[in-house]
C-alpha atoms as a PDB file:
ATOM      1  CA  LEU A   1     -23.413  -0.457 -14.514  1.00  0.00           C
ATOM      2  CA  PHE A   2     -25.920   2.363 -12.775  1.00  0.00           C
ATOM      3  CA  THR A   3     -25.676   2.639  -8.885  1.00  0.00           C
ATOM      4  CA  THR A   4     -27.832   5.582  -6.832  1.00  0.00           C
ATOM      5  CA  ILE A   5     -26.045   7.130  -3.461  1.00  0.00           C
ATOM      6  CA  LYS A   6     -27.812   9.511  -1.347  1.00  0.00           C
ATOM      7  CA  LEU A   7     -26.415  12.264   0.502  1.00  0.00           C
ATOM      8  CA  ASN A   8     -28.137  14.576   2.898  1.00  0.00           C
ATOM      9  CA  TRP A   9     -27.322  18.201   3.101  1.00  0.00           C
ATOM     10  CA  ALA A  10     -24.335  18.300   5.034  1.00  0.00           C
ATOM     11  CA  GLU A  11     -22.742  15.246   2.986  1.00  0.00           C
ATOM     12  CA  TYR A  12     -23.473  17.616  -0.292  1.00  0.00           C
ATOM     13  CA  LEU A  13     -21.847  20.643   1.209  1.00  0.00           C
ATOM     14  CA  SER A  14     -18.904  18.962   2.755  1.00  0.00           C
ATOM     15  CA  GLY A  15     -18.083  16.353   0.504  1.00  0.00           C
ATOM     16  CA  LYS A  16     -18.113  12.479   1.170  1.00  0.00           C
ATOM     17  CA  THR A  17     -16.290   9.312   0.734  1.00  0.00           C
ATOM     18  CA  ILE A  18     -18.208   6.314   0.368  1.00  0.00           C
ATOM     19  CA  GLU A  19     -17.873   3.292  -0.267  1.00  0.00           C
ATOM     20  CA  ILE A  20     -19.780   1.122  -3.271  1.00  0.00           C
ATOM     21  CA  LYS A  21     -19.728  -2.762  -2.872  1.00  0.00           C
ATOM     22  CA  TYR A  22     -18.683  -4.321  -7.033  1.00  0.00           C
ATOM     23  CA  LEU A  23     -20.665  -7.187  -8.169  1.00  0.00           C
ATOM     24  CA  ASP A  24     -17.507  -9.534  -6.613  1.00  0.00           C
ATOM     25  CA  ASN A  25     -18.052  -8.244  -3.346  1.00  0.00           C
ATOM     26  CA  THR A  26     -15.083  -6.030  -3.781  1.00  0.00           C
ATOM     27  CA  ILE A  27     -14.955  -2.417  -2.376  1.00  0.00           C
ATOM     28  CA  ILE A  28     -14.438   0.852  -4.605  1.00  0.00           C
ATOM     29  CA  PRO A  29     -13.650   4.310  -2.632  1.00  0.00           C
ATOM     30  CA  TYR A  30     -15.135   7.074  -4.172  1.00  0.00           C
ATOM     31  CA  THR A  31     -15.098  10.583  -3.245  1.00  0.00           C
ATOM     32  CA  ILE A  32     -17.706  12.534  -3.867  1.00  0.00           C
ATOM     33  CA  ASN A  33     -16.153  16.366  -3.788  1.00  0.00           C
ATOM     34  CA  PRO A  34     -18.540  19.722  -1.759  1.00  0.00           C
ATOM     35  CA  PHE A  35     -21.035  20.818  -4.490  1.00  0.00           C
ATOM     36  CA  ILE A  36     -21.001  17.712  -6.693  1.00  0.00           C
ATOM     37  CA  LYS A  37     -23.687  18.298  -9.288  1.00  0.00           C
ATOM     38  CA  SER A  38     -26.564  15.989  -8.583  1.00  0.00           C
ATOM     39  CA  ASP A  39     -27.819  16.333 -12.396  1.00  0.00           C
ATOM     40  CA  ILE A  40     -25.177  14.644 -13.731  1.00  0.00           C
ATOM     41  CA  PRO A  41     -24.191  11.028 -12.988  1.00  0.00           C
ATOM     42  CA  ILE A  42     -20.553  10.779 -11.905  1.00  0.00           C
ATOM     43  CA  GLU A  43     -18.678   8.040 -14.425  1.00  0.00           C
ATOM     44  CA  ILE A  44     -15.888   5.695 -13.429  1.00  0.00           C
ATOM     45  CA  LYS A  45     -14.593   4.262 -16.185  1.00  0.00           C
ATOM     46  CA  ASN A  46     -13.672   0.627 -16.515  1.00  0.00           C
ATOM     47  CA  MET A  47     -15.846  -0.349 -13.852  1.00  0.00           C
ATOM     48  CA  GLY A  48     -19.015  -1.362 -15.758  1.00  0.00           C
ATOM     49  CA  LEU A  49     -19.749  -5.461 -15.937  1.00  0.00           C
ATOM     50  CA  SER A  50     -16.922  -7.782 -15.720  1.00  0.00           C
ATOM     51  CA  HIS A  51     -14.962  -4.522 -15.809  1.00  0.00           C
ATOM     52  CA  LYS A  52     -15.413  -3.205 -19.272  1.00  0.00           C
ATOM     53  CA  GLY A  53     -18.181   0.077 -19.731  1.00  0.00           C
ATOM     54  CA  ASN A  54     -18.310   2.198 -16.808  1.00  0.00           C
ATOM     55  CA  LEU A  55     -19.702   3.018 -13.677  1.00  0.00           C
ATOM     56  CA  TYR A  56     -22.445   5.173 -13.487  1.00  0.00           C
ATOM     57  CA  ILE A  57     -23.207   7.238  -9.804  1.00  0.00           C
ATOM     58  CA  VAL A  58     -26.310   8.987  -9.363  1.00  0.00           C
ATOM     59  CA  ILE A  59     -26.497  11.385  -6.646  1.00  0.00           C
ATOM     60  CA  GLU A  60     -29.539  11.909  -4.877  1.00  0.00           C
ATOM     61  CA  ILE A  61     -29.978  14.973  -2.333  1.00  0.00           C
ATOM     62  CA  GLU A  62     -32.007  13.904   0.590  1.00  0.00           C
ATOM     63  CA  GLN A  63     -34.448  16.608   1.411  1.00  0.00           C
ATOM     64  CA  PRO A  64     -34.605  17.781   5.018  1.00  0.00           C
ATOM     65  CA  ASP A  65     -37.599  16.322   7.135  1.00  0.00           C
ATOM     66  CA  ILE A  66     -40.580  18.027   7.961  1.00  0.00           C
ATOM     67  CA  LEU A  67     -41.559  17.469  11.588  1.00  0.00           C
ATOM     68  CA  LEU A  68     -37.908  18.211  12.433  1.00  0.00           C
ATOM     69  CA  TRP A  69     -37.951  21.155  10.813  1.00  0.00           C
ATOM     70  CA  ASN A  70     -41.821  22.465  12.171  1.00  0.00           C
ATOM     71  CA  ASN A  71     -39.489  22.111  16.137  1.00  0.00           C
ATOM     72  CA  PHE A  72     -37.316  24.310  14.899  1.00  0.00           C
ATOM     73  CA  SER A  73     -37.846  27.461  16.745  1.00  0.00           C
ATOM     74  CA  LEU A  74     -38.443  30.601  14.835  1.00  0.00           C
ATOM     75  CA  GLU A  75     -35.317  32.007  15.595  1.00  0.00           C
ATOM     76  CA  LYS A  76     -33.173  28.193  14.633  1.00  0.00           C
ATOM     77  CA  ARG A  77     -35.809  28.683  11.420  1.00  0.00           C
ATOM     78  CA  GLU A  78     -33.946  32.008  10.505  1.00  0.00           C
ATOM     79  CA  ASN A  79     -30.242  31.280  10.991  1.00  0.00           C
ATOM     80  CA  VAL A  80     -30.839  27.903   8.437  1.00  0.00           C
ATOM     81  CA  LEU A  81     -32.034  30.193   6.073  1.00  0.00           C
ATOM     82  CA  ASN A  82     -29.832  33.152   5.879  1.00  0.00           C
ATOM     83  CA  THR A  83     -26.877  30.869   6.031  1.00  0.00           C
ATOM     84  CA  LEU A  84     -28.457  28.795   2.767  1.00  0.00           C
ATOM     85  CA  ASN A  85     -29.228  32.195   1.149  1.00  0.00           C
ATOM     86  CA  ALA A  86     -26.449  33.269   1.562  1.00  0.00           C
ATOM     87  CA  LEU A  87     -24.792  30.127   0.209  1.00  0.00           C
ATOM     88  CA  PHE A  88     -26.818  29.651  -3.122  1.00  0.00           C
ATOM     89  CA  CYS A  89     -28.048  33.360  -3.476  1.00  0.00           C
ATOM     90  CA  HIS A  90     -26.307  35.405  -5.860  1.00  0.00           C
ATOM     91  CA  GLU A  91     -26.826  38.977  -5.948  1.00  0.00           C
ATOM     92  CA  ASN A  92     -24.975  41.257  -7.818  1.00  0.00           C
END
């Protein structure tokens, strides 16, 4: 079984506990860790069809809204970009 979970940037950076509704309507809680690799599905063993096989969670990172970004002041944009650069750019 495969399911897709969408995370916004704040959830990606801080992590999130999700609730997955299983085929029989039971709820499976799962905690997604901060900075999860979104290119590798999360595997939950023995939660496939009829509790055989595995359940795979695919993570999608939602992109920011361009209209909201365009409404930010230049100063606010620079602050966001500086923060992201500090998190993601590794200079030697």
